[in-house]
Amino acid sequence: GIAGFGANSRIKTASLLELSMDLPVVITWVDRPDRVEQLLPKVAEMVPAGLITVEDIYIYQYSSTLREGLPDVKVEGIMTREVSTVRPEATLAEVVEKLLDKPYTALPVIDHAGRLVGIVSDTDLLERGDMEVSINLKRATDRDLARSLIQRLRESGRRVDEVMTRNPVTISPQASLSEAARLMGRGNLKRLPVVDSQKRLLGVLSRFDILKTVAAGHLPQLVTRKGPAHGQNQGRTVGDVMDTTVAMVTRDASLTQVLELLSQDPNQRVVVIDSKLHVLGVISDTDLVSRMSPETHPGVLEQLVSKLPLGQRSANARSHLQKARGKTAADLMTEPAITVRADESIGTALAIAAEKHIKRFPVVDDTGKLVGIVGRSELLSALVEEHQQPAEN
């Protein structure tokens, strides 16, 4: 039965003869640290008298049966409701100022009545808004370079309605998660504005919102990473969708070698390996910029943007990069690298991507050797196809 000492050190018991209405109860809640941190204050409000403890745990076994595929939930259940927006007449300088302080790279454009009229994204700014490099790269540079860009855009006076994408793909709050994922996969979209029947903006559903929902159903699979992969006999695996062409260097590769590979690689990732092809670390374009001193940023950015062969760099770029002479891949990489097995299930790989906030994974075989690279977009598209398969059959 239930028994124990309460806050007043008085024994409380349950017996067949006398049942107490104030029996102590222990509630065990196992969850991700970020969720615990977010919800714990609310839980504390619900416990005016009692003890609340927080502990790290090691899960030895979890026997719940997990189903591959997309959960049966509606868009309104997982969309982000608090969304930064911009008006069509706003300047591009205002857009960049807003995005530099946010974790995303696009803003919905609404009219005076709150109706969606467009979306202005990092891609729009690069293609039509006089931006030389992405918002993510600007975030990684020193603040002086960001301020100079904002000042230049302010002087140009260019407006959002000159560069925004009009009539963006949208979705209803009552639509299913699988429908949203199909739309994203079909158009290679990172986000969908959520609107009502009058086109009023209600929120935004991002690819990452979907990944977090998928992760919630697959997290138990992450507790035993050393044994056989969980994806065996459960549909498509990471190996089915990975890209086998990988830019890679050894840890002693020079900055020049890393820059050349990064500027040419469509994945914007260089994997650092040892002599046996084991993954040591990963270098992305933002990693590179953030780990370089501010005085080298102009030269690094010019090389990343121009994609010119090394011998054709401008004197200005060569001068800036000269200040970083001696830097190697070991100095620039993020380590340890988080990898995913080629025989891992699509759902589990997406769960890891959401948990670790990773956009692209090095893929390894069962011996730990590098065999490919895979991104969240390919994984999500594969999961959608897998989810659709039973209906098509």
Protein backbone atom coordinates (compact mmCIF):
# COMPACT_ATOMS: atom_id res chain seq x y z
CA GLY A 1 0.00 0.00 0.00
CA ILE A 2 0.91 3.68 0.11
CA ALA A 3 2.74 4.85 3.23
CA GLY A 4 5.30 7.43 4.30
CA PHE A 5 6.08 10.52 6.31
CA GLY A 6 4.59 13.81 5.14
CA ALA A 7 5.81 17.36 5.59
CA ASN A 8 4.75 17.28 9.29
CA SER A 9 6.67 14.05 10.00
CA ARG A 10 3.45 12.17 10.75
CA ILE A 11 3.15 8.66 9.39
CA LYS A 12 0.46 8.25 6.76
CA THR A 13 -0.64 4.77 5.83
CA ALA A 14 -3.30 2.95 3.89
CA SER A 15 -4.93 -0.13 5.38
CA LEU A 16 -8.05 -2.16 4.91
CA LEU A 17 -9.52 -0.73 8.13
CA GLU A 18 -8.81 2.96 7.73
CA LEU A 19 -8.18 4.91 4.55
CA SER A 20 -6.64 8.36 4.80
CA MET A 21 -7.54 11.17 2.40
CA ASP A 22 -4.06 12.71 2.71
CA LEU A 23 -1.87 9.80 1.62
CA PRO A 24 1.54 10.81 0.24
CA VAL A 25 2.03 10.18 -3.45
CA VAL A 26 5.29 10.12 -5.42
CA ILE A 27 4.94 11.24 -9.05
CA THR A 28 7.94 10.39 -11.25
CA TRP A 29 8.25 12.47 -14.41
CA VAL A 30 10.92 11.48 -16.94
CA ASP A 31 11.49 13.92 -19.78
CA ARG A 32 14.03 15.96 -21.72
CA PRO A 33 15.93 18.58 -19.65
CA ASP A 34 14.58 21.49 -21.72
CA ARG A 35 10.98 20.39 -21.13
CA VAL A 36 11.58 19.92 -17.42
CA GLU A 37 13.09 23.40 -17.18
CA GLN A 38 10.16 24.91 -19.06
CA LEU A 39 7.37 23.20 -17.08
CA LEU A 40 8.87 22.92 -13.60
CA PRO A 41 7.74 26.40 -12.43
CA LYS A 42 4.14 25.50 -13.31
CA VAL A 43 4.45 22.19 -11.47
CA ALA A 44 5.80 24.02 -8.41
CA GLU A 45 2.74 26.29 -8.41
CA MET A 46 0.55 23.16 -8.21
CA VAL A 47 2.40 21.80 -5.14
CA PRO A 48 1.89 24.29 -2.27
CA ALA A 49 3.11 21.70 0.28
CA GLY A 50 5.47 18.97 -0.79
CA LEU A 51 8.93 18.08 -2.06
CA ILE A 52 10.11 18.46 -5.66
CA THR A 53 13.47 17.06 -6.74
CA VAL A 54 15.24 17.05 -10.09
CA GLU A 55 17.73 14.31 -10.94
CA ASP A 56 19.74 13.10 -13.91
CA ILE A 57 18.76 9.54 -14.82
CA TYR A 58 20.17 6.67 -16.83
CA ILE A 59 17.55 4.59 -18.62
CA TYR A 60 18.58 0.93 -18.67
CA GLN A 61 15.51 -0.33 -20.50
CA TYR A 62 12.32 1.11 -21.92
CA SER A 63 9.85 -1.39 -23.33
CA SER A 64 7.31 0.88 -24.95
CA THR A 65 6.53 -0.06 -28.55
CA LEU A 66 7.23 2.82 -30.90
CA ARG A 67 5.76 3.27 -34.35
CA GLU A 68 7.70 4.71 -37.23
CA GLY A 69 6.05 7.52 -39.13
CA LEU A 70 4.40 10.84 -38.38
CA PRO A 71 2.19 11.32 -35.31
CA ASP A 72 -1.52 11.89 -35.95
CA VAL A 73 -1.72 15.51 -34.74
CA LYS A 74 -3.02 18.76 -36.19
CA VAL A 75 -0.94 21.74 -37.19
CA GLU A 76 -2.50 23.97 -34.52
CA GLY A 77 -1.21 21.61 -31.84
CA ILE A 78 2.47 22.17 -32.60
CA MET A 79 2.73 25.45 -34.54
CA THR A 80 4.54 28.47 -33.11
CA ARG A 81 1.93 31.08 -32.21
CA GLU A 82 4.12 34.00 -31.14
CA VAL A 83 5.59 35.10 -34.46
CA SER A 84 7.59 38.20 -35.40
CA THR A 85 6.16 39.86 -38.50
CA VAL A 86 6.91 42.76 -40.78
CA ARG A 87 4.82 45.09 -42.94
CA PRO A 88 5.26 45.42 -46.75
CA GLU A 89 6.42 49.04 -46.44
CA ALA A 90 9.15 48.20 -43.90
CA THR A 91 12.76 48.59 -45.01
CA LEU A 92 15.14 45.71 -45.57
CA ALA A 93 17.30 47.19 -42.83
CA GLU A 94 14.45 46.56 -40.37
CA VAL A 95 14.16 42.95 -41.54
CA VAL A 96 17.86 42.26 -41.03
CA GLU A 97 17.82 43.93 -37.62
CA LYS A 98 14.98 41.64 -36.53
CA LEU A 99 16.47 38.47 -37.96
CA LEU A 100 19.95 38.97 -36.51
CA ASP A 101 18.52 38.56 -33.00
CA LYS A 102 16.28 35.60 -33.82
CA PRO A 103 16.96 31.85 -34.29
CA TYR A 104 15.11 31.80 -37.64
CA THR A 105 15.76 33.30 -41.06
CA ALA A 106 12.36 34.47 -42.38
CA LEU A 107 9.51 36.81 -41.42
CA PRO A 108 5.85 36.64 -42.51
CA VAL A 109 4.67 39.86 -44.18
CA ILE A 110 1.21 41.03 -43.09
CA ASP A 111 -1.03 43.97 -43.99
CA HIS A 112 -2.76 46.35 -41.56
CA ALA A 113 -5.56 43.79 -40.98
CA GLY A 114 -3.15 40.97 -40.07
CA ARG A 115 -3.63 39.15 -43.38
CA LEU A 116 -0.64 37.37 -44.87
CA VAL A 117 0.60 38.99 -48.08
CA GLY A 118 4.03 37.40 -48.39
CA ILE A 119 7.14 36.14 -46.66
CA VAL A 120 10.64 37.60 -46.69
CA SER A 121 13.39 35.06 -46.12
CA ASP A 122 17.13 34.79 -46.12
CA THR A 123 16.91 33.48 -49.70
CA ASP A 124 14.89 36.53 -50.82
CA LEU A 125 17.49 38.85 -49.29
CA LEU A 126 20.32 36.99 -51.01
CA GLU A 127 18.65 36.83 -54.42
CA ARG A 128 16.99 40.26 -54.59
CA GLY A 129 17.96 42.26 -51.52
CA ASP A 130 21.67 43.05 -52.00
CA MET A 131 22.78 40.64 -49.26
CA GLU A 132 26.13 39.01 -50.00
CA VAL A 133 26.01 36.29 -47.32
CA SER A 134 23.33 34.49 -45.34
CA ILE A 135 21.85 35.72 -42.07
CA ASN A 136 23.46 32.78 -40.27
CA LEU A 137 26.90 33.86 -41.46
CA LYS A 138 26.19 37.47 -40.50
CA ARG A 139 25.29 36.31 -36.99
CA ALA A 140 28.66 34.59 -36.73
CA THR A 141 30.67 37.65 -37.78
CA ASP A 142 31.68 40.53 -35.57
CA ARG A 143 28.99 43.15 -34.96
CA ASP A 144 30.79 45.82 -37.02
CA LEU A 145 30.20 43.90 -40.26
CA ALA A 146 26.53 43.40 -39.41
CA ARG A 147 26.14 47.09 -38.59
CA SER A 148 27.75 48.11 -41.87
CA LEU A 149 25.28 45.93 -43.79
CA ILE A 150 22.31 47.42 -41.93
CA GLN A 151 23.60 50.94 -42.58
CA ARG A 152 24.01 50.22 -46.28
CA LEU A 153 20.48 48.81 -46.51
CA ARG A 154 19.12 51.80 -44.60
CA GLU A 155 20.78 54.18 -47.05
CA SER A 156 19.38 52.28 -50.03
CA GLY A 157 15.84 52.64 -48.65
CA ARG A 158 14.73 49.39 -50.27
CA ARG A 159 11.45 47.94 -48.98
CA VAL A 160 10.14 44.50 -48.11
CA ASP A 161 7.53 44.50 -50.90
CA GLU A 162 10.36 44.79 -53.46
CA VAL A 163 11.93 41.44 -52.54
CA MET A 164 9.37 39.35 -50.63
CA THR A 165 7.90 36.11 -51.95
CA ARG A 166 4.24 36.82 -52.71
CA ASN A 167 1.46 34.27 -52.24
CA PRO A 168 3.58 31.84 -50.20
CA VAL A 169 2.39 28.30 -49.59
CA THR A 170 0.21 28.26 -46.46
CA ILE A 171 -1.64 25.71 -44.39
CA SER A 172 -4.77 25.56 -42.23
CA PRO A 173 -4.52 25.06 -38.46
CA GLN A 174 -6.81 22.01 -38.83
CA ALA A 175 -4.54 20.30 -41.37
CA SER A 176 -2.70 17.15 -40.35
CA LEU A 177 1.00 17.00 -39.64
CA SER A 178 1.51 14.59 -42.53
CA GLU A 179 -0.14 17.05 -44.94
CA ALA A 180 2.16 19.83 -43.71
CA ALA A 181 5.22 17.62 -44.08
CA ARG A 182 4.20 16.68 -47.64
CA LEU A 183 3.87 20.37 -48.58
CA MET A 184 7.30 21.11 -47.13
CA GLY A 185 8.90 18.17 -48.88
CA ARG A 186 7.28 18.94 -52.24
CA GLY A 187 8.44 22.56 -52.24
CA ASN A 188 11.65 22.09 -50.20
CA LEU A 189 10.21 24.57 -47.68
CA LYS A 190 11.57 25.19 -44.19
CA ARG A 191 8.35 26.75 -42.86
CA LEU A 192 4.64 27.18 -43.55
CA PRO A 193 2.59 30.20 -42.44
CA VAL A 194 -0.62 29.01 -40.73
CA VAL A 195 -3.66 31.08 -41.75
CA ASP A 196 -7.43 31.05 -41.26
CA SER A 197 -10.06 31.24 -44.02
CA GLN A 198 -9.56 35.03 -44.25
CA LYS A 199 -5.77 34.67 -44.70
CA ARG A 200 -5.15 36.10 -41.22
CA LEU A 201 -1.86 34.86 -39.81
CA LEU A 202 -2.29 32.52 -36.83
CA GLY A 203 1.23 31.17 -36.51
CA VAL A 204 4.08 29.46 -38.32
CA LEU A 205 4.88 25.76 -38.60
CA SER A 206 8.59 25.18 -39.09
CA ARG A 207 10.44 22.07 -40.11
CA PHE A 208 11.96 22.06 -36.65
CA ASP A 209 8.48 22.05 -35.04
CA ILE A 210 7.80 18.82 -36.93
CA LEU A 211 11.15 17.35 -35.94
CA LYS A 212 10.49 18.02 -32.26
CA THR A 213 7.14 16.25 -32.54
CA VAL A 214 8.74 13.26 -34.25
CA ALA A 215 11.47 13.24 -31.60
CA ALA A 216 8.92 13.02 -28.79
CA GLY A 217 7.79 9.66 -30.17
CA HIS A 218 11.28 8.29 -30.82
CA LEU A 219 13.32 9.42 -27.82
CA PRO A 220 13.29 6.02 -26.07
CA GLN A 221 15.23 4.62 -29.04
CA LEU A 222 18.13 6.94 -28.22
CA VAL A 223 19.07 5.32 -24.90
CA THR A 224 20.97 2.35 -26.35
CA ARG A 225 23.24 3.77 -29.02
CA LYS A 226 25.94 1.08 -28.82
CA GLY A 227 23.84 -1.94 -29.73
CA PRO A 228 22.20 -2.88 -33.02
CA ALA A 229 20.47 -0.02 -34.77
CA HIS A 230 16.76 0.33 -34.16
CA GLY A 231 16.01 0.90 -37.79
CA GLN A 232 16.55 -2.71 -38.83
CA ASN A 233 13.47 -4.21 -40.48
CA GLN A 234 11.52 -0.98 -39.90
CA GLY A 235 11.36 0.57 -43.35
CA ARG A 236 13.86 2.89 -44.96
CA THR A 237 17.12 3.69 -43.25
CA VAL A 238 19.56 6.58 -43.26
CA GLY A 239 21.73 4.72 -45.75
CA ASP A 240 18.88 4.78 -48.27
CA VAL A 241 18.78 8.59 -48.41
CA MET A 242 22.30 9.74 -47.52
CA ASP A 243 24.67 11.51 -49.93
CA THR A 244 27.83 9.47 -50.41
CA THR A 245 29.82 12.45 -51.70
CA VAL A 246 31.43 14.03 -48.63
CA ALA A 247 33.96 16.85 -48.34
CA MET A 248 36.59 15.61 -45.88
CA VAL A 249 40.00 16.56 -44.54
CA THR A 250 42.42 15.34 -41.90
CA ARG A 251 42.88 17.29 -38.67
CA ASP A 252 46.13 18.91 -39.90
CA ALA A 253 44.57 20.34 -43.10
CA SER A 254 45.23 24.05 -43.54
CA LEU A 255 42.68 26.85 -43.42
CA THR A 256 43.19 27.28 -47.17
CA GLN A 257 42.19 23.67 -47.83
CA VAL A 258 39.15 23.90 -45.55
CA LEU A 259 37.99 27.16 -47.15
CA GLU A 260 38.32 25.78 -50.65
CA LEU A 261 36.22 22.71 -49.80
CA LEU A 262 33.59 24.70 -47.89
CA SER A 263 33.13 27.23 -50.67
CA GLN A 264 32.53 24.45 -53.21
CA ASP A 265 30.51 21.99 -51.11
CA PRO A 266 26.71 22.21 -51.53
CA ASN A 267 26.24 20.90 -47.97
CA GLN A 268 28.53 23.62 -46.55
CA ARG A 269 30.11 20.98 -44.32
CA VAL A 270 33.60 19.54 -44.15
CA VAL A 271 34.06 16.37 -42.11
CA VAL A 272 37.37 15.92 -40.27
CA ILE A 273 38.58 12.31 -40.24
CA ASP A 274 41.53 10.27 -39.03
CA SER A 275 43.62 7.86 -41.11
CA LYS A 276 41.01 5.10 -40.67
CA LEU A 277 38.09 7.28 -41.83
CA HIS A 278 36.73 7.65 -38.31
CA VAL A 279 34.94 10.98 -37.80
CA LEU A 280 36.72 13.43 -35.49
CA GLY A 281 34.72 16.59 -36.05
CA VAL A 282 32.72 18.74 -38.44
CA ILE A 283 33.35 22.23 -39.83
CA SER A 284 30.43 24.27 -41.18
CA ASP A 285 30.64 27.73 -42.73
CA THR A 286 29.31 29.30 -39.51
CA ASP A 287 31.77 27.25 -37.40
CA LEU A 288 34.60 28.59 -39.51
CA VAL A 289 33.57 32.22 -39.18
CA SER A 290 32.82 32.03 -35.45
CA ARG A 291 36.22 30.48 -34.69
CA MET A 292 38.19 33.04 -36.68
CA SER A 293 39.29 36.39 -35.30
CA PRO A 294 37.19 39.40 -36.42
CA GLU A 295 39.99 40.87 -38.55
CA THR A 296 39.89 37.78 -40.79
CA HIS A 297 36.10 37.83 -41.36
CA PRO A 298 36.10 39.96 -44.55
CA GLY A 299 38.54 37.59 -46.24
CA VAL A 300 36.71 34.46 -45.09
CA LEU A 301 33.33 35.79 -46.22
CA GLU A 302 34.70 36.84 -49.61
CA GLN A 303 36.05 33.33 -50.20
CA LEU A 304 32.82 31.65 -49.10
CA VAL A 305 30.69 33.91 -51.29
CA SER A 306 32.87 34.21 -54.39
CA LYS A 307 33.65 30.46 -54.69
CA LEU A 308 36.67 31.48 -56.74
CA PRO A 309 39.77 29.28 -56.96
CA LEU A 310 42.31 30.18 -54.32
CA GLY A 311 44.68 31.85 -56.76
CA GLN A 312 41.98 34.31 -57.90
CA ARG A 313 41.16 35.84 -54.52
CA SER A 314 41.41 39.60 -54.23
CA ALA A 315 44.42 41.21 -52.58
CA ASN A 316 42.10 42.35 -49.78
CA ALA A 317 40.96 38.77 -49.06
CA ARG A 318 44.53 37.47 -49.16
CA SER A 319 45.59 40.18 -46.73
CA HIS A 320 42.86 39.29 -44.23
CA LEU A 321 43.45 35.54 -44.48
CA GLN A 322 47.17 36.01 -44.02
CA LYS A 323 46.36 36.95 -40.41
CA ALA A 324 45.05 33.42 -39.82
CA ARG A 325 48.13 31.64 -41.16
CA GLY A 326 48.78 28.45 -39.22
CA LYS A 327 45.14 27.61 -38.49
CA THR A 328 44.28 23.96 -39.12
CA ALA A 329 41.10 21.87 -39.31
CA ALA A 330 41.70 20.77 -35.71
CA ASP A 331 41.42 24.43 -34.62
CA LEU A 332 38.22 25.02 -36.55
CA MET A 333 36.16 21.85 -36.10
CA THR A 334 33.28 21.18 -33.73
CA GLU A 335 34.05 18.08 -31.71
CA PRO A 336 33.06 15.47 -30.85
CA ALA A 337 31.00 15.11 -33.99
CA ILE A 338 27.52 13.68 -33.58
CA THR A 339 27.07 10.97 -36.16
CA VAL A 340 24.25 8.65 -37.21
CA ARG A 341 24.50 5.05 -38.35
CA ALA A 342 23.68 4.16 -41.94
CA ASP A 343 21.39 1.35 -40.72
CA GLU A 344 19.53 3.61 -38.28
CA SER A 345 15.84 4.28 -38.87
CA ILE A 346 14.71 7.54 -40.45
CA GLY A 347 12.59 8.39 -37.40
CA THR A 348 15.44 7.90 -34.94
CA ALA A 349 17.82 10.01 -37.04
CA LEU A 350 15.23 12.82 -37.08
CA ALA A 351 14.83 12.51 -33.33
CA ILE A 352 18.58 12.97 -32.86
CA ALA A 353 18.54 15.95 -35.25
CA ALA A 354 15.84 17.62 -33.16
CA GLU A 355 17.45 16.79 -29.81
CA LYS A 356 20.91 18.00 -30.80
CA HIS A 357 19.79 20.85 -33.10
CA ILE A 358 21.80 19.40 -35.99
CA LYS A 359 21.03 20.17 -39.63
CA ARG A 360 23.38 17.68 -41.27
CA PHE A 361 24.98 14.45 -39.97
CA PRO A 362 28.06 12.55 -40.97
CA VAL A 363 26.86 8.98 -41.56
CA VAL A 364 29.01 6.07 -40.37
CA ASP A 365 28.91 2.30 -40.78
CA ASP A 366 28.85 -0.20 -37.91
CA THR A 367 32.63 0.16 -37.49
CA GLY A 368 32.43 3.95 -37.18
CA LYS A 369 33.86 4.73 -40.62
CA LEU A 370 32.50 7.66 -42.62
CA VAL A 371 30.23 6.56 -45.47
CA GLY A 372 28.07 9.61 -46.24
CA ILE A 373 26.25 12.70 -45.05
CA VAL A 374 22.53 13.36 -44.60
CA GLY A 375 20.36 16.38 -43.80
CA ARG A 376 17.07 16.97 -42.01
CA SER A 377 15.32 17.79 -45.29
CA GLU A 378 16.13 14.42 -46.89
CA LEU A 379 15.21 12.57 -43.71
CA LEU A 380 11.88 14.32 -43.34
CA SER A 381 10.99 13.74 -47.01
CA ALA A 382 11.80 10.04 -46.59
CA LEU A 383 9.63 9.83 -43.48
CA VAL A 384 6.71 11.42 -45.34
CA GLU A 385 7.10 8.95 -48.21
CA GLU A 386 7.21 6.09 -45.72
CA HIS A 387 4.10 7.43 -43.98
CA GLN A 388 2.24 7.56 -47.29
CA GLN A 389 3.23 4.05 -48.41
CA PRO A 390 0.44 2.06 -46.68
CA ALA A 391 -2.25 4.31 -48.21
CA GLU A 392 -0.75 3.93 -51.68
CA ASN A 393 -0.64 0.14 -51.37
